[in-house]
């Protein structure tokens, strides 16, 4: 699993990078077929807020994309990864249920 953290219009500090990498590393617990995770941190147009976008590329499925904006990067990272975790759990459950259906 490859993880990339990049910044647009701002420099990503080491503590922010560490926090994002830690949260991204936990995703394999929810779905084990993750190939790549891209984390893009951007300064919003009005420079009052930041925006965090996470793109999770998985095997045999479309990528999961989640985006959130707000004033605190640490909270944004936690919230956006919470959404991605929920998406991955739902996807895994859908695959599991599809295998067990008799039709």
N, C-alpha and C. Protein backbone atom coordinates (compact mmCIF):
# COMPACT_ATOMS: atom_id res chain seq x y z
N UNK A 1 0.86 -1.18 0.00
CA UNK A 1 0.00 0.00 0.00
C UNK A 1 0.90 1.24 0.00
N UNK A 2 0.66 2.10 -0.97
CA UNK A 2 1.45 3.31 -1.11
C UNK A 2 0.63 4.50 -0.61
N UNK A 3 1.26 5.37 0.18
CA UNK A 3 0.57 6.54 0.74
C UNK A 3 1.34 7.79 0.33
N UNK A 4 0.62 8.76 -0.25
CA UNK A 4 1.21 10.03 -0.66
C UNK A 4 0.49 11.17 0.04
N UNK A 5 1.26 12.09 0.60
CA UNK A 5 0.70 13.30 1.21
C UNK A 5 1.26 14.49 0.45
N UNK A 6 0.37 15.33 -0.08
CA UNK A 6 0.83 16.50 -0.82
C UNK A 6 0.03 17.72 -0.43
N UNK A 7 0.62 18.87 -0.64
CA UNK A 7 -0.03 20.13 -0.32
C UNK A 7 -0.15 21.01 -1.55
N UNK A 8 -1.28 21.69 -1.66
CA UNK A 8 -1.50 22.67 -2.71
C UNK A 8 -1.62 24.03 -2.05
N UNK A 9 -0.86 24.99 -2.51
CA UNK A 9 -0.90 26.35 -2.02
C UNK A 9 -0.49 26.46 -0.55
N UNK A 10 0.13 25.43 0.00
CA UNK A 10 0.65 25.49 1.37
C UNK A 10 1.69 24.40 1.55
N UNK A 11 2.56 24.61 2.53
CA UNK A 11 3.58 23.63 2.86
C UNK A 11 3.03 22.70 3.94
N UNK A 12 3.11 21.39 3.72
CA UNK A 12 2.63 20.42 4.69
C UNK A 12 3.72 20.23 5.74
N UNK A 13 3.41 20.58 6.98
CA UNK A 13 4.40 20.44 8.05
C UNK A 13 4.55 18.98 8.45
N UNK A 14 5.65 18.67 9.10
CA UNK A 14 5.92 17.29 9.50
C UNK A 14 4.88 16.73 10.48
N UNK A 15 4.43 17.50 11.49
CA UNK A 15 3.38 16.96 12.37
C UNK A 15 2.06 16.64 11.64
N UNK A 16 1.68 17.50 10.69
CA UNK A 16 0.47 17.23 9.88
C UNK A 16 0.68 15.98 9.05
N UNK A 17 1.84 15.87 8.40
CA UNK A 17 2.16 14.70 7.58
C UNK A 17 2.11 13.42 8.42
N UNK A 18 2.69 13.46 9.61
CA UNK A 18 2.70 12.29 10.50
C UNK A 18 1.27 11.88 10.89
N UNK A 19 0.46 12.88 11.22
CA UNK A 19 -0.93 12.60 11.61
C UNK A 19 -1.70 11.96 10.46
N UNK A 20 -1.53 12.51 9.25
CA UNK A 20 -2.22 11.96 8.08
C UNK A 20 -1.73 10.55 7.77
N UNK A 21 -0.43 10.31 7.86
CA UNK A 21 0.11 8.97 7.59
C UNK A 21 -0.37 7.96 8.62
N UNK A 22 -0.46 8.38 9.88
CA UNK A 22 -0.96 7.48 10.93
C UNK A 22 -2.40 7.07 10.65
N UNK A 23 -3.24 8.04 10.31
CA UNK A 23 -4.65 7.72 10.02
C UNK A 23 -4.78 6.87 8.76
N UNK A 24 -3.96 7.15 7.76
CA UNK A 24 -4.01 6.37 6.51
C UNK A 24 -3.56 4.94 6.75
N UNK A 25 -2.59 4.74 7.63
CA UNK A 25 -2.10 3.40 7.93
C UNK A 25 -3.14 2.51 8.57
N UNK A 26 -4.12 3.10 9.23
CA UNK A 26 -5.18 2.32 9.89
C UNK A 26 -6.22 1.77 8.91
N UNK A 27 -6.27 2.32 7.69
CA UNK A 27 -7.32 1.93 6.75
C UNK A 27 -7.25 0.46 6.35
N UNK A 28 -6.06 -0.13 6.39
CA UNK A 28 -5.95 -1.54 5.99
C UNK A 28 -6.72 -2.46 6.93
N UNK A 29 -7.05 -1.99 8.13
CA UNK A 29 -7.88 -2.79 9.04
C UNK A 29 -9.31 -2.93 8.53
N UNK A 30 -9.75 -1.94 7.76
CA UNK A 30 -11.14 -1.94 7.28
C UNK A 30 -11.29 -2.63 5.94
N UNK A 31 -10.24 -2.59 5.11
CA UNK A 31 -10.30 -3.23 3.80
C UNK A 31 -8.86 -3.54 3.38
N UNK A 32 -8.59 -4.81 3.07
CA UNK A 32 -7.20 -5.22 2.85
C UNK A 32 -6.74 -5.14 1.40
N UNK A 33 -7.58 -4.67 0.50
CA UNK A 33 -7.19 -4.59 -0.91
C UNK A 33 -6.94 -3.15 -1.37
N UNK A 34 -6.42 -2.33 -0.47
CA UNK A 34 -6.09 -0.95 -0.81
C UNK A 34 -4.74 -0.94 -1.51
N UNK A 35 -4.69 -0.25 -2.66
CA UNK A 35 -3.45 -0.18 -3.40
C UNK A 35 -2.71 1.14 -3.16
N UNK A 36 -3.46 2.23 -3.11
CA UNK A 36 -2.82 3.54 -2.97
C UNK A 36 -3.75 4.51 -2.26
N UNK A 37 -3.18 5.39 -1.44
CA UNK A 37 -3.93 6.43 -0.75
C UNK A 37 -3.25 7.76 -1.06
N UNK A 38 -4.00 8.69 -1.63
CA UNK A 38 -3.51 10.04 -1.89
C UNK A 38 -4.21 11.01 -0.95
N UNK A 39 -3.44 11.78 -0.21
CA UNK A 39 -3.97 12.78 0.70
C UNK A 39 -3.53 14.14 0.18
N UNK A 40 -4.49 14.98 -0.17
CA UNK A 40 -4.20 16.30 -0.73
C UNK A 40 -4.74 17.35 0.23
N UNK A 41 -3.84 18.19 0.73
CA UNK A 41 -4.21 19.26 1.65
C UNK A 41 -4.08 20.56 0.89
N UNK A 42 -5.15 21.35 0.87
CA UNK A 42 -5.19 22.55 0.05
C UNK A 42 -5.66 23.74 0.88
N UNK A 43 -5.15 24.90 0.57
CA UNK A 43 -5.63 26.13 1.17
C UNK A 43 -6.84 26.58 0.37
N UNK A 44 -7.97 26.83 1.04
CA UNK A 44 -9.20 27.23 0.34
C UNK A 44 -9.03 28.61 -0.29
N UNK A 45 -9.94 28.96 -1.19
CA UNK A 45 -9.85 30.20 -1.95
C UNK A 45 -9.76 31.44 -1.07
N UNK A 46 -10.52 31.45 0.01
CA UNK A 46 -10.55 32.64 0.86
C UNK A 46 -9.42 32.65 1.90
N UNK A 47 -8.57 31.63 1.90
CA UNK A 47 -7.43 31.49 2.81
C UNK A 47 -7.85 31.49 4.29
N UNK A 48 -9.11 31.27 4.57
CA UNK A 48 -9.59 31.16 5.94
C UNK A 48 -9.66 29.71 6.37
N UNK A 49 -9.83 28.81 5.41
CA UNK A 49 -10.01 27.40 5.70
C UNK A 49 -9.04 26.57 4.88
N UNK A 50 -8.83 25.35 5.33
CA UNK A 50 -8.10 24.36 4.56
C UNK A 50 -9.08 23.32 4.06
N UNK A 51 -8.63 22.55 3.07
CA UNK A 51 -9.46 21.49 2.52
C UNK A 51 -8.61 20.23 2.45
N UNK A 52 -9.16 19.12 2.89
CA UNK A 52 -8.46 17.84 2.84
C UNK A 52 -9.26 16.91 1.94
N UNK A 53 -8.57 16.32 0.97
CA UNK A 53 -9.19 15.36 0.07
C UNK A 53 -8.39 14.06 0.16
N UNK A 54 -9.10 12.95 0.30
CA UNK A 54 -8.46 11.64 0.37
C UNK A 54 -9.02 10.79 -0.77
N UNK A 55 -8.11 10.21 -1.55
CA UNK A 55 -8.48 9.33 -2.65
C UNK A 55 -7.88 7.96 -2.35
N UNK A 56 -8.75 6.97 -2.16
CA UNK A 56 -8.31 5.61 -1.84
C UNK A 56 -8.57 4.73 -3.06
N UNK A 57 -7.50 4.22 -3.63
CA UNK A 57 -7.58 3.36 -4.81
C UNK A 57 -7.54 1.91 -4.34
N UNK A 58 -8.59 1.15 -4.66
CA UNK A 58 -8.68 -0.25 -4.24
C UNK A 58 -8.77 -1.17 -5.44
N UNK A 59 -8.45 -2.44 -5.23
CA UNK A 59 -8.53 -3.45 -6.28
C UNK A 59 -9.96 -3.66 -6.73
N UNK A 60 -10.15 -3.78 -8.02
CA UNK A 60 -11.41 -4.20 -8.62
C UNK A 60 -12.61 -3.33 -8.22
N UNK A 61 -12.38 -2.04 -8.02
CA UNK A 61 -13.47 -1.13 -7.67
C UNK A 61 -13.05 0.29 -8.02
N UNK A 62 -14.03 1.17 -8.12
CA UNK A 62 -13.72 2.58 -8.31
C UNK A 62 -13.06 3.13 -7.06
N UNK A 63 -12.33 4.20 -7.22
CA UNK A 63 -11.66 4.84 -6.09
C UNK A 63 -12.69 5.47 -5.16
N UNK A 64 -12.38 5.49 -3.88
CA UNK A 64 -13.21 6.17 -2.88
C UNK A 64 -12.62 7.56 -2.67
N UNK A 65 -13.44 8.59 -2.86
CA UNK A 65 -12.97 9.97 -2.77
C UNK A 65 -13.79 10.68 -1.71
N UNK A 66 -13.10 11.31 -0.78
CA UNK A 66 -13.77 12.05 0.30
C UNK A 66 -13.08 13.40 0.44
N UNK A 67 -13.89 14.45 0.62
CA UNK A 67 -13.35 15.80 0.73
C UNK A 67 -14.07 16.53 1.85
N UNK A 68 -13.32 17.32 2.61
CA UNK A 68 -13.89 18.08 3.71
C UNK A 68 -13.09 19.37 3.86
N UNK A 69 -13.74 20.46 4.26
CA UNK A 69 -13.03 21.71 4.49
C UNK A 69 -13.43 22.31 5.83
N UNK A 70 -12.52 23.08 6.40
CA UNK A 70 -12.76 23.70 7.69
C UNK A 70 -11.51 24.41 8.19
N UNK A 71 -11.56 24.96 9.39
CA UNK A 71 -10.44 25.76 9.89
C UNK A 71 -9.30 24.97 10.54
N UNK A 72 -9.53 23.75 11.05
CA UNK A 72 -8.51 23.00 11.79
C UNK A 72 -8.12 21.74 11.02
N UNK A 73 -6.86 21.67 10.60
CA UNK A 73 -6.40 20.54 9.78
C UNK A 73 -6.47 19.21 10.51
N UNK A 74 -6.13 19.17 11.79
CA UNK A 74 -6.15 17.90 12.53
C UNK A 74 -7.57 17.33 12.59
N UNK A 75 -8.55 18.19 12.87
CA UNK A 75 -9.95 17.75 12.92
C UNK A 75 -10.41 17.32 11.54
N UNK A 76 -10.02 18.07 10.51
CA UNK A 76 -10.40 17.71 9.14
C UNK A 76 -9.86 16.34 8.76
N UNK A 77 -8.60 16.09 9.08
CA UNK A 77 -8.00 14.79 8.75
C UNK A 77 -8.75 13.68 9.45
N UNK A 78 -9.07 13.86 10.72
CA UNK A 78 -9.82 12.84 11.46
C UNK A 78 -11.20 12.61 10.84
N UNK A 79 -11.90 13.70 10.49
CA UNK A 79 -13.24 13.57 9.93
C UNK A 79 -13.24 12.93 8.56
N UNK A 80 -12.29 13.32 7.71
CA UNK A 80 -12.25 12.77 6.36
C UNK A 80 -11.89 11.28 6.39
N UNK A 81 -11.00 10.88 7.29
CA UNK A 81 -10.68 9.46 7.40
C UNK A 81 -11.82 8.67 8.04
N UNK A 82 -12.60 9.31 8.91
CA UNK A 82 -13.80 8.66 9.44
C UNK A 82 -14.78 8.33 8.32
N UNK A 83 -14.94 9.27 7.39
CA UNK A 83 -15.83 9.03 6.25
C UNK A 83 -15.29 7.92 5.35
N UNK A 84 -13.99 7.92 5.10
CA UNK A 84 -13.39 6.89 4.24
C UNK A 84 -13.51 5.51 4.91
N UNK A 85 -13.29 5.45 6.21
CA UNK A 85 -13.43 4.17 6.93
C UNK A 85 -14.84 3.63 6.78
N UNK A 86 -15.83 4.50 6.91
CA UNK A 86 -17.22 4.08 6.76
C UNK A 86 -17.48 3.59 5.34
N UNK A 87 -16.96 4.28 4.34
CA UNK A 87 -17.13 3.85 2.95
C UNK A 87 -16.51 2.47 2.72
N UNK A 88 -15.31 2.26 3.24
CA UNK A 88 -14.64 0.98 3.06
C UNK A 88 -15.37 -0.15 3.78
N UNK A 89 -15.87 0.12 4.99
CA UNK A 89 -16.64 -0.89 5.73
C UNK A 89 -17.90 -1.27 4.96
N UNK A 90 -18.60 -0.26 4.45
CA UNK A 90 -19.82 -0.52 3.68
C UNK A 90 -19.52 -1.31 2.41
N UNK A 91 -18.43 -0.97 1.74
CA UNK A 91 -18.05 -1.68 0.52
C UNK A 91 -17.71 -3.15 0.83
N UNK A 92 -16.97 -3.37 1.89
CA UNK A 92 -16.60 -4.73 2.27
C UNK A 92 -17.85 -5.54 2.64
N UNK A 93 -18.76 -4.92 3.36
CA UNK A 93 -20.00 -5.59 3.75
C UNK A 93 -20.84 -5.93 2.52
N UNK A 94 -20.89 -5.02 1.56
CA UNK A 94 -21.64 -5.26 0.34
C UNK A 94 -21.04 -6.44 -0.43
N UNK A 95 -19.72 -6.51 -0.50
CA UNK A 95 -19.07 -7.63 -1.18
C UNK A 95 -19.34 -8.94 -0.45
N UNK A 96 -19.29 -8.91 0.86
CA UNK A 96 -19.52 -10.11 1.67
C UNK A 96 -20.94 -10.61 1.49
N UNK A 97 -21.91 -9.71 1.49
CA UNK A 97 -23.31 -10.10 1.33
C UNK A 97 -23.59 -10.62 -0.07
N UNK A 98 -22.92 -10.07 -1.06
CA UNK A 98 -23.13 -10.51 -2.44
C UNK A 98 -22.66 -11.95 -2.63
N UNK A 99 -21.60 -12.34 -1.95
CA UNK A 99 -21.08 -13.71 -2.07
C UNK A 99 -22.01 -14.73 -1.45
N UNK A 100 -22.77 -14.33 -0.45
CA UNK A 100 -23.61 -15.27 0.29
C UNK A 100 -25.06 -15.31 -0.18
N UNK A 101 -25.38 -14.50 -1.17
CA UNK A 101 -26.75 -14.50 -1.67
C UNK A 101 -26.97 -15.68 -2.61
N UNK A 102 -28.11 -16.30 -2.48
CA UNK A 102 -28.48 -17.40 -3.36
C UNK A 102 -29.59 -16.88 -4.26
N UNK A 103 -29.39 -16.97 -5.55
CA UNK A 103 -30.40 -16.37 -6.41
C UNK A 103 -30.77 -17.15 -7.55
